[in-house]
Structure formats: C-alpha cells, structure tokens
C-alpha cells in the first residue's frame, strides 16, 4: 500500500481527490491537511511514502515544504500539484529535488499512475504547454541515453541498449550534465523532464 499525505488549502478539491485516490486498491490517503506547516508536521508524524501537495498554499508553500523535507525527511517523496507551469516554480522544484510536478487538471487515473511511478523511484514531470521556451540543447542520442539513465539503468546496460560503448555513454552523460548545468544524471533527467525535452 502506498501511503499518502495530501496537502491543499481548497477543502472541496482536497476531499474529492482523497476520495478518488482511496478508490485505488494500492493507494491510501492517511492524512489530509490544509497548509504547509501542517504538511510538515504530518510528514514527520506519520512518515508517508509520498506527500502530494499544492504549490500555492498559505504560509509555507508546497515548494517551501519540499525544500525543508529534502533535509529533514528525505525518505518521503514529494509530488507537487500546480495550476500553472510557471518557469520559476519549475526551477525551484528542480532545486528541491521533488519526485513529481503535475498540473492540477491531470486526470485521476493518470495521477494514480504517476504516484505509482514515483513510489517505484521514477521522476514524473508534466511539462507546461511550452516549457520554458528554451530550445532543447541535447542531441537525439543524448536524449536516448538520458531516458535510460533516468530509470536508474547502469552505464553498461545503457551501452548494450543503445549499441554504444560504455565509455561513449559516460561521455554522453558528462556532456548532458555540462549542457544542463546540473550536478549528476538524476538532476539532468529531472531538468529535462521539467523542460519537456524527454
């Protein structure tokens, strides 16, 4: 069972989403809260697998909460819900190492699937319609390599899947990290997903 805490200041939305998620056989909303401070307290109290939080809440925003949990409860994955895919929000979400960034109008079935993917260790990002407007700096081959790296595939296995040598795969990953201005392949995949490049 995937245990969830749901944080959203809109009561009607929160209660409706709780009902929909609890209909799934493997999902359980174990606590609902209406603000960021209560979300932090709930995570530390019940230690859910995932915190599903609105970005815009009174007091501490979902982004504020994600940044704090990165330091204090890293085992809980954070999925943020947003009405609009603001570039500044996406940049902060990237820095906070959230596991998911989804639009609030995502259909319930797709949201449930996304939560399962996050629980399995994947990063799920819904790109806004036009991303940040930046063109993708990655070559098609680099994108192929990054898609495989995103799932945690080892360098040797990426090489086998793409027909490349392991050293070439390492070179591609190094180039990708440099182009995207990030520290590692996980951050590279997160950034590329947010921008809609994968």
C-alpha atoms as a PDB file:
ATOM      1  CA  UNK A   1       0.000   0.000   0.000  1.00  0.00           C
ATOM      2  CA  UNK A   2       1.334   3.442  -0.967  1.00  0.00           C
ATOM      3  CA  UNK A   3       0.686   5.798   1.950  1.00  0.00           C
ATOM      4  CA  UNK A   4      -0.041   9.438   1.092  1.00  0.00           C
ATOM      5  CA  UNK A   5      -0.416  12.742   2.870  1.00  0.00           C
ATOM      6  CA  UNK A   6      -2.448  15.247   0.838  1.00  0.00           C
ATOM      7  CA  UNK A   7      -1.939  18.987   1.368  1.00  0.00           C
ATOM      8  CA  UNK A   8      -4.219  21.522  -0.307  1.00  0.00           C
ATOM      9  CA  UNK A   9      -5.947  24.575   1.132  1.00  0.00           C
ATOM     10  CA  UNK A  10      -9.049  24.113  -1.051  1.00  0.00           C
ATOM     11  CA  UNK A  11     -11.236  21.809   1.001  1.00  0.00           C
ATOM     12  CA  UNK A  12     -13.543  20.679  -1.797  1.00  0.00           C
ATOM     13  CA  UNK A  13     -10.625  19.771  -4.087  1.00  0.00           C
ATOM     14  CA  UNK A  14      -8.768  18.037  -1.252  1.00  0.00           C
ATOM     15  CA  UNK A  15     -11.731  15.923  -0.189  1.00  0.00           C
ATOM     16  CA  UNK A  16     -12.644  14.994  -3.771  1.00  0.00           C
ATOM     17  CA  UNK A  17      -9.062  13.983  -4.566  1.00  0.00           C
ATOM     18  CA  UNK A  18      -8.835  11.939  -1.367  1.00  0.00           C
ATOM     19  CA  UNK A  19     -11.998  10.055  -2.333  1.00  0.00           C
ATOM     20  CA  UNK A  20     -10.710   9.369  -5.860  1.00  0.00           C
ATOM     21  CA  UNK A  21      -7.277   8.208  -4.705  1.00  0.00           C
ATOM     22  CA  UNK A  22      -8.699   5.978  -1.983  1.00  0.00           C
ATOM     23  CA  UNK A  23     -10.708   4.144  -4.662  1.00  0.00           C
ATOM     24  CA  UNK A  24      -7.397   2.794  -5.977  1.00  0.00           C
ATOM     25  CA  UNK A  25      -6.564  -0.584  -4.389  1.00  0.00           C
ATOM     26  CA  UNK A  26      -2.930   0.311  -3.713  1.00  0.00           C
ATOM     27  CA  UNK A  27      -3.232   3.976  -2.657  1.00  0.00           C
ATOM     28  CA  UNK A  28      -4.270   5.309   0.738  1.00  0.00           C
ATOM     29  CA  UNK A  29      -4.534   8.947   1.827  1.00  0.00           C
ATOM     30  CA  UNK A  30      -3.729   8.596   5.518  1.00  0.00           C
ATOM     31  CA  UNK A  31      -3.940  12.301   6.352  1.00  0.00           C
ATOM     32  CA  UNK A  32      -5.334  15.486   4.783  1.00  0.00           C
ATOM     33  CA  UNK A  33      -4.022  18.930   5.703  1.00  0.00           C
ATOM     34  CA  UNK A  34      -4.769  22.465   4.534  1.00  0.00           C
ATOM     35  CA  UNK A  35      -1.443  24.301   4.826  1.00  0.00           C
ATOM     36  CA  UNK A  36       2.297  23.879   4.507  1.00  0.00           C
ATOM     37  CA  UNK A  37       3.052  23.918   8.232  1.00  0.00           C
ATOM     38  CA  UNK A  38       0.545  21.127   8.814  1.00  0.00           C
ATOM     39  CA  UNK A  39       2.019  19.198   5.874  1.00  0.00           C
ATOM     40  CA  UNK A  40       5.464  19.293   7.502  1.00  0.00           C
ATOM     41  CA  UNK A  41       4.034  18.161  10.824  1.00  0.00           C
ATOM     42  CA  UNK A  42       2.037  15.355   9.184  1.00  0.00           C
ATOM     43  CA  UNK A  43       5.054  14.017   7.294  1.00  0.00           C
ATOM     44  CA  UNK A  44       7.139  13.925  10.457  1.00  0.00           C
ATOM     45  CA  UNK A  45       4.267  12.332  12.373  1.00  0.00           C
ATOM     46  CA  UNK A  46       3.088   9.560  10.029  1.00  0.00           C
ATOM     47  CA  UNK A  47       6.089   9.209   7.661  1.00  0.00           C
ATOM     48  CA  UNK A  48       4.134   8.692   4.416  1.00  0.00           C
ATOM     49  CA  UNK A  49       5.671   7.312   1.246  1.00  0.00           C
ATOM     50  CA  UNK A  50       4.583  10.410  -0.687  1.00  0.00           C
ATOM     51  CA  UNK A  51       3.476  13.931   0.143  1.00  0.00           C
ATOM     52  CA  UNK A  52       1.105  15.210  -2.549  1.00  0.00           C
ATOM     53  CA  UNK A  53       0.974  18.978  -2.109  1.00  0.00           C
ATOM     54  CA  UNK A  54      -0.383  22.041  -3.846  1.00  0.00           C
ATOM     55  CA  UNK A  55       2.353  24.527  -4.704  1.00  0.00           C
ATOM     56  CA  UNK A  56       0.315  27.541  -3.631  1.00  0.00           C
ATOM     57  CA  UNK A  57      -0.788  27.303  -0.004  1.00  0.00           C
ATOM     58  CA  UNK A  58      -0.989  29.944   2.726  1.00  0.00           C
ATOM     59  CA  UNK A  59       2.095  30.305   4.889  1.00  0.00           C
ATOM     60  CA  UNK A  60       4.586  27.729   3.689  1.00  0.00           C
ATOM     61  CA  UNK A  61       4.103  26.883   0.016  1.00  0.00           C
ATOM     62  CA  UNK A  62       4.450  23.388  -1.360  1.00  0.00           C
ATOM     63  CA  UNK A  63       7.897  24.390  -2.600  1.00  0.00           C
ATOM     64  CA  UNK A  64       8.903  25.586   0.880  1.00  0.00           C
ATOM     65  CA  UNK A  65       7.752  22.286   2.324  1.00  0.00           C
ATOM     66  CA  UNK A  66       9.630  20.281  -0.334  1.00  0.00           C
ATOM     67  CA  UNK A  67      12.835  22.195   0.385  1.00  0.00           C
ATOM     68  CA  UNK A  68      12.553  21.519   4.110  1.00  0.00           C
ATOM     69  CA  UNK A  69      11.693  17.848   3.677  1.00  0.00           C
ATOM     70  CA  UNK A  70      14.729  17.364   1.460  1.00  0.00           C
ATOM     71  CA  UNK A  71      16.773  17.986   4.623  1.00  0.00           C
ATOM     72  CA  UNK A  72      14.524  16.576   7.357  1.00  0.00           C
ATOM     73  CA  UNK A  73      12.599  13.671   5.797  1.00  0.00           C
ATOM     74  CA  UNK A  74      14.299  12.656   2.532  1.00  0.00           C
ATOM     75  CA  UNK A  75      12.627   9.226   2.539  1.00  0.00           C
ATOM     76  CA  UNK A  76       9.263  10.845   1.806  1.00  0.00           C
ATOM     77  CA  UNK A  77       8.956  11.662  -1.872  1.00  0.00           C
ATOM     78  CA  UNK A  78       7.251  14.931  -2.766  1.00  0.00           C
ATOM     79  CA  UNK A  79       4.844  15.408  -5.667  1.00  0.00           C
ATOM     80  CA  UNK A  80       3.706  18.974  -6.298  1.00  0.00           C
ATOM     81  CA  UNK A  81       0.441  19.968  -7.930  1.00  0.00           C
ATOM     82  CA  UNK A  82       0.130  23.272  -9.745  1.00  0.00           C
ATOM     83  CA  UNK A  83      -2.485  25.124 -11.747  1.00  0.00           C
ATOM     84  CA  UNK A  84       0.103  26.762 -13.992  1.00  0.00           C
ATOM     85  CA  UNK A  85       3.554  25.579 -15.032  1.00  0.00           C
ATOM     86  CA  UNK A  86       5.441  28.735 -14.026  1.00  0.00           C
ATOM     87  CA  UNK A  87       9.115  28.580 -15.017  1.00  0.00           C
ATOM     88  CA  UNK A  88      10.231  29.938 -11.631  1.00  0.00           C
ATOM     89  CA  UNK A  89       8.221  27.256  -9.838  1.00  0.00           C
ATOM     90  CA  UNK A  90       9.758  24.576 -12.005  1.00  0.00           C
ATOM     91  CA  UNK A  91      13.269  25.842 -11.303  1.00  0.00           C
ATOM     92  CA  UNK A  92      12.655  25.773  -7.561  1.00  0.00           C
ATOM     93  CA  UNK A  93      11.072  22.330  -7.819  1.00  0.00           C
ATOM     94  CA  UNK A  94      14.214  21.144  -9.599  1.00  0.00           C
ATOM     95  CA  UNK A  95      16.405  22.535  -6.827  1.00  0.00           C
ATOM     96  CA  UNK A  96      14.193  20.957  -4.163  1.00  0.00           C
ATOM     97  CA  UNK A  97      14.600  17.578  -5.893  1.00  0.00           C
ATOM     98  CA  UNK A  98      10.881  16.826  -5.990  1.00  0.00           C
ATOM     99  CA  UNK A  99       9.849  13.486  -7.446  1.00  0.00           C
ATOM    100  CA  UNK A 100       6.844  14.816  -9.299  1.00  0.00           C
ATOM    101  CA  UNK A 101       5.477  18.054 -10.731  1.00  0.00           C
ATOM    102  CA  UNK A 102       1.972  17.731 -12.139  1.00  0.00           C
ATOM    103  CA  UNK A 103      -0.811  20.005 -13.287  1.00  0.00           C
ATOM    104  CA  UNK A 104      -3.933  20.017 -11.108  1.00  0.00           C
ATOM    105  CA  UNK A 105      -6.123  19.137 -14.080  1.00  0.00           C
ATOM    106  CA  UNK A 106      -4.308  15.814 -14.552  1.00  0.00           C
ATOM    107  CA  UNK A 107      -6.979  13.071 -14.797  1.00  0.00           C
ATOM    108  CA  UNK A 108      -7.282  10.977 -11.613  1.00  0.00           C
ATOM    109  CA  UNK A 109      -6.212   7.775 -13.380  1.00  0.00           C
ATOM    110  CA  UNK A 110      -3.054   9.442 -14.716  1.00  0.00           C
ATOM    111  CA  UNK A 111      -2.324  10.903 -11.285  1.00  0.00           C
ATOM    112  CA  UNK A 112      -2.636   7.462  -9.693  1.00  0.00           C
ATOM    113  CA  UNK A 113      -0.237   6.048 -12.300  1.00  0.00           C
ATOM    114  CA  UNK A 114       2.198   8.902 -11.672  1.00  0.00           C
ATOM    115  CA  UNK A 115       2.117   8.240  -7.906  1.00  0.00           C
ATOM    116  CA  UNK A 116       2.921   4.568  -8.521  1.00  0.00           C
ATOM    117  CA  UNK A 117       5.838   5.571 -10.747  1.00  0.00           C
ATOM    118  CA  UNK A 118       7.151   7.977  -8.101  1.00  0.00           C
ATOM    119  CA  UNK A 119       6.856   5.253  -5.455  1.00  0.00           C
ATOM    120  CA  UNK A 120       8.897   2.992  -7.755  1.00  0.00           C
ATOM    121  CA  UNK A 121      11.658   5.610  -7.830  1.00  0.00           C
ATOM    122  CA  UNK A 122      10.908   7.432 -11.073  1.00  0.00           C
ATOM    123  CA  UNK A 123      10.591  11.178 -11.534  1.00  0.00           C
ATOM    124  CA  UNK A 124       7.324  12.283 -13.131  1.00  0.00           C
ATOM    125  CA  UNK A 125       7.053  15.767 -14.564  1.00  0.00           C
ATOM    126  CA  UNK A 126       4.220  17.254 -16.583  1.00  0.00           C
ATOM    127  CA  UNK A 127       5.743  19.903 -18.788  1.00  0.00           C
ATOM    128  CA  UNK A 128       3.713  23.068 -19.265  1.00  0.00           C
ATOM    129  CA  UNK A 129       2.435  23.562 -22.836  1.00  0.00           C
ATOM    130  CA  UNK A 130       5.502  25.493 -23.970  1.00  0.00           C
ATOM    131  CA  UNK A 131       8.140  24.545 -21.405  1.00  0.00           C
ATOM    132  CA  UNK A 132      10.405  27.460 -20.517  1.00  0.00           C
ATOM    133  CA  UNK A 133      10.659  28.386 -24.156  1.00  0.00           C
ATOM    134  CA  UNK A 134      14.277  27.276 -24.310  1.00  0.00           C
ATOM    135  CA  UNK A 135      15.224  25.008 -27.198  1.00  0.00           C
ATOM    136  CA  UNK A 136      16.451  21.559 -26.231  1.00  0.00           C
ATOM    137  CA  UNK A 137      20.272  21.593 -26.124  1.00  0.00           C
ATOM    138  CA  UNK A 138      20.529  17.800 -26.255  1.00  0.00           C
ATOM    139  CA  UNK A 139      21.143  15.717 -29.346  1.00  0.00           C
ATOM    140  CA  UNK A 140      18.709  12.865 -30.127  1.00  0.00           C
ATOM    141  CA  UNK A 141      21.348  10.345 -28.989  1.00  0.00           C
ATOM    142  CA  UNK A 142      21.890  12.226 -25.715  1.00  0.00           C
ATOM    143  CA  UNK A 143      18.162  12.194 -25.091  1.00  0.00           C
ATOM    144  CA  UNK A 144      18.069   8.418 -25.687  1.00  0.00           C
ATOM    145  CA  UNK A 145      20.889   7.931 -23.181  1.00  0.00           C
ATOM    146  CA  UNK A 146      19.239  10.227 -20.624  1.00  0.00           C
ATOM    147  CA  UNK A 147      15.875   8.444 -20.914  1.00  0.00           C
ATOM    148  CA  UNK A 148      17.587   5.191 -19.954  1.00  0.00           C
ATOM    149  CA  UNK A 149      19.682   6.843 -17.226  1.00  0.00           C
ATOM    150  CA  UNK A 150      16.520   8.355 -15.760  1.00  0.00           C
ATOM    151  CA  UNK A 151      15.215   4.907 -14.847  1.00  0.00           C
ATOM    152  CA  UNK A 152      18.417   4.058 -12.970  1.00  0.00           C
ATOM    153  CA  UNK A 153      19.826   1.890 -15.762  1.00  0.00           C
ATOM    154  CA  UNK A 154      23.531   1.172 -15.278  1.00  0.00           C
ATOM    155  CA  UNK A 155      26.061   2.543 -17.758  1.00  0.00           C
ATOM    156  CA  UNK A 156      26.873  -0.931 -19.149  1.00  0.00           C
ATOM    157  CA  UNK A 157      23.168  -1.646 -19.716  1.00  0.00           C
ATOM    158  CA  UNK A 158      22.644   1.721 -21.421  1.00  0.00           C
ATOM    159  CA  UNK A 159      25.553   0.842 -23.683  1.00  0.00           C
ATOM    160  CA  UNK A 160      24.013  -2.530 -24.539  1.00  0.00           C
ATOM    161  CA  UNK A 161      20.593  -0.993 -25.208  1.00  0.00           C
ATOM    162  CA  UNK A 162      21.943   1.765 -27.465  1.00  0.00           C
ATOM    163  CA  UNK A 163      24.717  -0.129 -29.207  1.00  0.00           C
ATOM    164  CA  UNK A 164      27.336   2.245 -27.787  1.00  0.00           C
ATOM    165  CA  UNK A 165      30.476   1.553 -25.807  1.00  0.00           C
ATOM    166  CA  UNK A 166      30.345   2.190 -22.049  1.00  0.00           C
ATOM    167  CA  UNK A 167      32.966   4.923 -22.394  1.00  0.00           C
ATOM    168  CA  UNK A 168      30.854   6.658 -25.032  1.00  0.00           C
ATOM    169  CA  UNK A 169      27.818   6.508 -22.740  1.00  0.00           C
ATOM    170  CA  UNK A 170      29.871   8.079 -19.928  1.00  0.00           C
ATOM    171  CA  UNK A 171      30.982  10.815 -22.335  1.00  0.00           C
ATOM    172  CA  UNK A 172      27.368  11.471 -23.349  1.00  0.00           C
ATOM    173  CA  UNK A 173      26.285  11.698 -19.700  1.00  0.00           C
ATOM    174  CA  UNK A 174      29.133  14.093 -18.947  1.00  0.00           C
ATOM    175  CA  UNK A 175      28.120  16.271 -21.907  1.00  0.00           C
ATOM    176  CA  UNK A 176      24.472  16.218 -20.823  1.00  0.00           C
ATOM    177  CA  UNK A 177      25.338  17.253 -17.261  1.00  0.00           C
ATOM    178  CA  UNK A 178      27.514  20.078 -18.571  1.00  0.00           C
ATOM    179  CA  UNK A 179      24.911  21.336 -21.030  1.00  0.00           C
ATOM    180  CA  UNK A 180      22.142  21.384 -18.422  1.00  0.00           C
ATOM    181  CA  UNK A 181      24.277  22.910 -15.685  1.00  0.00           C
ATOM    182  CA  UNK A 182      23.444  20.230 -13.115  1.00  0.00           C
ATOM    183  CA  UNK A 183      25.472  18.006 -10.801  1.00  0.00           C
ATOM    184  CA  UNK A 184      24.528  14.483 -11.851  1.00  0.00           C
ATOM    185  CA  UNK A 185      22.394  12.322 -14.121  1.00  0.00           C
ATOM    186  CA  UNK A 186      19.419  12.367 -11.729  1.00  0.00           C
ATOM    187  CA  UNK A 187      19.277  16.162 -11.776  1.00  0.00           C
ATOM    188  CA  UNK A 188      19.809  16.122 -15.548  1.00  0.00           C
ATOM    189  CA  UNK A 189      16.794  13.855 -16.046  1.00  0.00           C
ATOM    190  CA  UNK A 190      14.677  15.974 -13.698  1.00  0.00           C
ATOM    191  CA  UNK A 191      15.616  19.182 -15.532  1.00  0.00           C
ATOM    192  CA  UNK A 192      14.985  17.664 -18.953  1.00  0.00           C
ATOM    193  CA  UNK A 193      11.575  16.333 -17.830  1.00  0.00           C
ATOM    194  CA  UNK A 194      10.577  19.726 -16.447  1.00  0.00           C
ATOM    195  CA  UNK A 195      11.522  21.426 -19.693  1.00  0.00           C
ATOM    196  CA  UNK A 196       9.614  18.887 -21.766  1.00  0.00           C
ATOM    197  CA  UNK A 197      12.758  17.707 -23.529  1.00  0.00           C
ATOM    198  CA  UNK A 198      12.235  13.994 -22.753  1.00  0.00           C
END
